[in-house]
Amino acid sequence: MKYLHTMVRVTDLDASLRFYCEGLGLKEVRRKEVPAGRFTLVFLAAPESPEAEVELTWNWDPEEDMGSARNFGHLAFRVDDIYALCQHLQDMGYTINRPPRDGHMAFVRSPDLISVELLQKGDALPAREPWASMENTGSW
């Protein structure tokens, strides 16, 4: 058995690609347009683990509100510098729902409310402001 990918439905493909690619640094691996089914599949991967993909599924016809997707759980990525990535995402306008107060773990949500856990590679970084005193925002 081999793990292939995790699929998440998205409501705005461009907004989702901005978050996952420009924000998190994932790369688009391939794309499949399916006119007969009226949907697009975009496969993304992190540079250090190209075999583990995230599949964004965008249905061309709007669907009902997909809710908060809390039953899904979350995606998790190991990152080289959690503070730098959180600052980058915040500068792009994303809310860091669970700041990396401990220098080890943070949570952010995609435009479709998918929780994304960020885990510092190796040992936790020393506590640093503004993260160390930042409160949680919303849910993750």
C-alpha atoms as a PDB file:
ATOM      1  CA  MET A   1       0.000   0.000   0.000  1.00  0.00           C
ATOM      2  CA  LYS A   2       1.199   3.517  -0.780  1.00  0.00           C
ATOM      3  CA  TYR A   3      -0.236   6.818   0.445  1.00  0.00           C
ATOM      4  CA  LEU A   4      -1.159   8.986  -2.555  1.00  0.00           C
ATOM      5  CA  HIS A   5      -2.867  12.234  -1.579  1.00  0.00           C
ATOM      6  CA  THR A   6      -5.370  14.120   0.549  1.00  0.00           C
ATOM      7  CA  MET A   7      -8.259  15.791  -1.281  1.00  0.00           C
ATOM      8  CA  VAL A   8      -9.868  19.029  -0.152  1.00  0.00           C
ATOM      9  CA  ARG A   9     -12.732  20.752  -1.950  1.00  0.00           C
ATOM     10  CA  VAL A  10     -12.197  24.427  -2.642  1.00  0.00           C
ATOM     11  CA  THR A  11     -14.655  27.141  -3.565  1.00  0.00           C
ATOM     12  CA  ASP A  12     -12.196  29.593  -5.158  1.00  0.00           C
ATOM     13  CA  LEU A  13      -9.298  27.918  -6.956  1.00  0.00           C
ATOM     14  CA  ASP A  14      -7.234  31.095  -7.350  1.00  0.00           C
ATOM     15  CA  ALA A  15      -7.590  32.006  -3.657  1.00  0.00           C
ATOM     16  CA  SER A  16      -6.667  28.454  -2.655  1.00  0.00           C
ATOM     17  CA  LEU A  17      -3.612  28.360  -4.947  1.00  0.00           C
ATOM     18  CA  ARG A  18      -2.472  31.688  -3.480  1.00  0.00           C
ATOM     19  CA  PHE A  19      -2.710  30.222   0.033  1.00  0.00           C
ATOM     20  CA  TYR A  20      -1.141  26.825  -0.640  1.00  0.00           C
ATOM     21  CA  CYS A  21       1.496  27.922  -3.198  1.00  0.00           C
ATOM     22  CA  GLU A  22       2.409  31.541  -2.443  1.00  0.00           C
ATOM     23  CA  GLY A  23       1.690  31.235   1.269  1.00  0.00           C
ATOM     24  CA  LEU A  24       2.815  27.744   2.259  1.00  0.00           C
ATOM     25  CA  GLY A  25       5.271  27.196  -0.606  1.00  0.00           C
ATOM     26  CA  LEU A  26       3.701  24.094  -2.143  1.00  0.00           C
ATOM     27  CA  LYS A  27       4.295  23.529  -5.852  1.00  0.00           C
ATOM     28  CA  GLU A  28       1.732  22.590  -8.466  1.00  0.00           C
ATOM     29  CA  VAL A  29       2.613  19.087  -9.693  1.00  0.00           C
ATOM     30  CA  ARG A  30      -0.155  18.593 -12.240  1.00  0.00           C
ATOM     31  CA  ARG A  31      -3.617  19.748 -13.208  1.00  0.00           C
ATOM     32  CA  LYS A  32      -6.534  17.945 -14.781  1.00  0.00           C
ATOM     33  CA  GLU A  33      -9.530  19.714 -16.305  1.00  0.00           C
ATOM     34  CA  VAL A  34     -12.614  17.500 -16.596  1.00  0.00           C
ATOM     35  CA  PRO A  35     -15.184  19.385 -18.715  1.00  0.00           C
ATOM     36  CA  ALA A  36     -17.627  16.457 -18.766  1.00  0.00           C
ATOM     37  CA  GLY A  37     -17.740  16.445 -14.955  1.00  0.00           C
ATOM     38  CA  ARG A  38     -17.330  20.229 -14.714  1.00  0.00           C
ATOM     39  CA  PHE A  39     -14.426  20.159 -12.262  1.00  0.00           C
ATOM     40  CA  THR A  40     -10.693  20.808 -12.040  1.00  0.00           C
ATOM     41  CA  LEU A  41      -8.158  18.832 -10.024  1.00  0.00           C
ATOM     42  CA  VAL A  42      -4.892  20.492  -9.010  1.00  0.00           C
ATOM     43  CA  PHE A  43      -2.239  18.383  -7.289  1.00  0.00           C
ATOM     44  CA  LEU A  44       0.260  20.149  -5.035  1.00  0.00           C
ATOM     45  CA  ALA A  45       3.309  18.904  -3.134  1.00  0.00           C
ATOM     46  CA  ALA A  46       5.896  20.213  -0.705  1.00  0.00           C
ATOM     47  CA  PRO A  47       9.416  20.346  -2.180  1.00  0.00           C
ATOM     48  CA  GLU A  48      10.828  17.940   0.453  1.00  0.00           C
ATOM     49  CA  SER A  49       8.061  15.350   0.045  1.00  0.00           C
ATOM     50  CA  PRO A  50       6.819  15.376  -3.546  1.00  0.00           C
ATOM     51  CA  GLU A  51       5.298  11.911  -3.154  1.00  0.00           C
ATOM     52  CA  ALA A  52       2.699  13.165  -0.629  1.00  0.00           C
ATOM     53  CA  GLU A  53       0.246  15.348  -2.513  1.00  0.00           C
ATOM     54  CA  VAL A  54      -2.659  17.609  -1.680  1.00  0.00           C
ATOM     55  CA  GLU A  55      -5.410  17.455  -4.294  1.00  0.00           C
ATOM     56  CA  LEU A  56      -7.503  20.597  -4.638  1.00  0.00           C
ATOM     57  CA  THR A  57     -10.884  19.782  -6.185  1.00  0.00           C
ATOM     58  CA  TRP A  58     -12.737  22.750  -7.638  1.00  0.00           C
ATOM     59  CA  ASN A  59     -16.261  22.170  -8.921  1.00  0.00           C
ATOM     60  CA  TRP A  60     -17.113  24.686 -11.626  1.00  0.00           C
ATOM     61  CA  ASP A  61     -20.716  24.969 -10.492  1.00  0.00           C
ATOM     62  CA  PRO A  62     -21.081  26.487  -7.019  1.00  0.00           C
ATOM     63  CA  GLU A  63     -22.078  24.062  -4.293  1.00  0.00           C
ATOM     64  CA  GLU A  64     -23.750  24.623  -0.973  1.00  0.00           C
ATOM     65  CA  ASP A  65     -21.674  26.052   1.831  1.00  0.00           C
ATOM     66  CA  MET A  66     -19.236  23.307   2.795  1.00  0.00           C
ATOM     67  CA  GLY A  67     -19.201  24.425   6.431  1.00  0.00           C
ATOM     68  CA  SER A  68     -16.121  24.667   8.552  1.00  0.00           C
ATOM     69  CA  ALA A  69     -14.755  21.245   7.554  1.00  0.00           C
ATOM     70  CA  ARG A  70     -13.871  20.506  11.184  1.00  0.00           C
ATOM     71  CA  ASN A  71     -14.637  16.819  10.697  1.00  0.00           C
ATOM     72  CA  PHE A  72     -11.689  16.654   8.281  1.00  0.00           C
ATOM     73  CA  GLY A  73      -9.001  17.356  10.873  1.00  0.00           C
ATOM     74  CA  HIS A  74      -5.964  19.084   9.380  1.00  0.00           C
ATOM     75  CA  LEU A  75      -3.026  18.991   7.002  1.00  0.00           C
ATOM     76  CA  ALA A  76       0.438  19.143   8.604  1.00  0.00           C
ATOM     77  CA  PHE A  77       3.725  20.408   7.207  1.00  0.00           C
ATOM     78  CA  ARG A  78       7.228  20.464   8.705  1.00  0.00           C
ATOM     79  CA  VAL A  79       8.794  23.885   8.083  1.00  0.00           C
ATOM     80  CA  ASP A  80      12.343  25.249   8.241  1.00  0.00           C
ATOM     81  CA  ASP A  81      11.475  28.468  10.148  1.00  0.00           C
ATOM     82  CA  ILE A  82       8.027  28.604  11.719  1.00  0.00           C
ATOM     83  CA  TYR A  83       8.350  32.288  12.630  1.00  0.00           C
ATOM     84  CA  ALA A  84       9.309  33.340   9.113  1.00  0.00           C
ATOM     85  CA  LEU A  85       6.498  31.335   7.519  1.00  0.00           C
ATOM     86  CA  CYS A  86       3.893  32.622   9.982  1.00  0.00           C
ATOM     87  CA  GLN A  87       5.058  36.197   9.329  1.00  0.00           C
ATOM     88  CA  HIS A  88       4.892  35.591   5.574  1.00  0.00           C
ATOM     89  CA  LEU A  89       1.338  34.226   5.833  1.00  0.00           C
ATOM     90  CA  GLN A  90       0.287  37.076   8.122  1.00  0.00           C
ATOM     91  CA  ASP A  91       1.780  39.617   5.683  1.00  0.00           C
ATOM     92  CA  MET A  92      -0.360  38.007   2.963  1.00  0.00           C
ATOM     93  CA  GLY A  93      -3.457  38.683   5.076  1.00  0.00           C
ATOM     94  CA  TYR A  94      -3.984  35.254   6.659  1.00  0.00           C
ATOM     95  CA  THR A  95      -4.818  34.916  10.345  1.00  0.00           C
ATOM     96  CA  ILE A  96      -2.497  32.766  12.416  1.00  0.00           C
ATOM     97  CA  ASN A  97      -5.191  31.062  14.497  1.00  0.00           C
ATOM     98  CA  ARG A  98      -2.773  29.364  16.885  1.00  0.00           C
ATOM     99  CA  PRO A  99       0.465  31.358  16.935  1.00  0.00           C
ATOM    100  CA  PRO A 100       3.819  29.578  17.382  1.00  0.00           C
ATOM    101  CA  ARG A 101       4.218  30.710  20.999  1.00  0.00           C
ATOM    102  CA  ASP A 102       6.359  27.665  21.758  1.00  0.00           C
ATOM    103  CA  GLY A 103       8.527  28.023  18.639  1.00  0.00           C
ATOM    104  CA  HIS A 104       7.282  24.619  17.543  1.00  0.00           C
ATOM    105  CA  MET A 105       3.630  24.565  16.409  1.00  0.00           C
ATOM    106  CA  ALA A 106       1.146  26.900  14.735  1.00  0.00           C
ATOM    107  CA  PHE A 107      -2.194  26.601  12.952  1.00  0.00           C
ATOM    108  CA  VAL A 108      -3.606  28.632  10.069  1.00  0.00           C
ATOM    109  CA  ARG A 109      -6.725  28.067   7.974  1.00  0.00           C
ATOM    110  CA  SER A 110      -7.046  28.066   4.193  1.00  0.00           C
ATOM    111  CA  PRO A 111      -9.655  30.201   2.383  1.00  0.00           C
ATOM    112  CA  ASP A 112     -11.961  27.143   2.607  1.00  0.00           C
ATOM    113  CA  LEU A 113     -11.364  26.769   6.363  1.00  0.00           C
ATOM    114  CA  ILE A 114      -9.076  23.748   6.104  1.00  0.00           C
ATOM    115  CA  SER A 115      -6.850  23.680   9.203  1.00  0.00           C
ATOM    116  CA  VAL A 116      -3.137  23.562   8.423  1.00  0.00           C
ATOM    117  CA  GLU A 117      -0.687  22.660  11.181  1.00  0.00           C
ATOM    118  CA  LEU A 118       2.858  23.996  10.873  1.00  0.00           C
ATOM    119  CA  LEU A 119       5.561  22.171  12.832  1.00  0.00           C
ATOM    120  CA  GLN A 120       9.095  23.484  13.271  1.00  0.00           C
ATOM    121  CA  LYS A 121      11.774  21.215  11.804  1.00  0.00           C
ATOM    122  CA  GLY A 122      14.110  19.901  14.501  1.00  0.00           C
ATOM    123  CA  ASP A 123      14.061  21.487  17.929  1.00  0.00           C
ATOM    124  CA  ALA A 124      11.662  24.274  18.813  1.00  0.00           C
ATOM    125  CA  LEU A 125      12.964  27.774  18.148  1.00  0.00           C
ATOM    126  CA  PRO A 126      13.477  30.046  21.176  1.00  0.00           C
ATOM    127  CA  ALA A 127      10.334  32.010  22.101  1.00  0.00           C
ATOM    128  CA  ARG A 128      10.114  35.252  20.152  1.00  0.00           C
ATOM    129  CA  GLU A 129       7.764  38.221  20.088  1.00  0.00           C
ATOM    130  CA  PRO A 130       5.212  39.017  18.868  1.00  0.00           C
ATOM    131  CA  TRP A 131       4.411  35.300  18.761  1.00  0.00           C
ATOM    132  CA  ALA A 132       5.194  34.460  22.399  1.00  0.00           C
ATOM    133  CA  SER A 133       2.434  36.703  23.782  1.00  0.00           C
ATOM    134  CA  MET A 134      -0.051  36.414  20.898  1.00  0.00           C
ATOM    135  CA  GLU A 135      -3.450  34.954  21.768  1.00  0.00           C
ATOM    136  CA  ASN A 136      -5.310  32.327  19.756  1.00  0.00           C
ATOM    137  CA  THR A 137      -7.796  33.644  17.202  1.00  0.00           C
ATOM    138  CA  GLY A 138     -10.932  31.743  16.270  1.00  0.00           C
ATOM    139  CA  SER A 139     -10.716  27.992  15.914  1.00  0.00           C
ATOM    140  CA  TRP A 140      -8.435  25.689  14.054  1.00  0.00           C
END
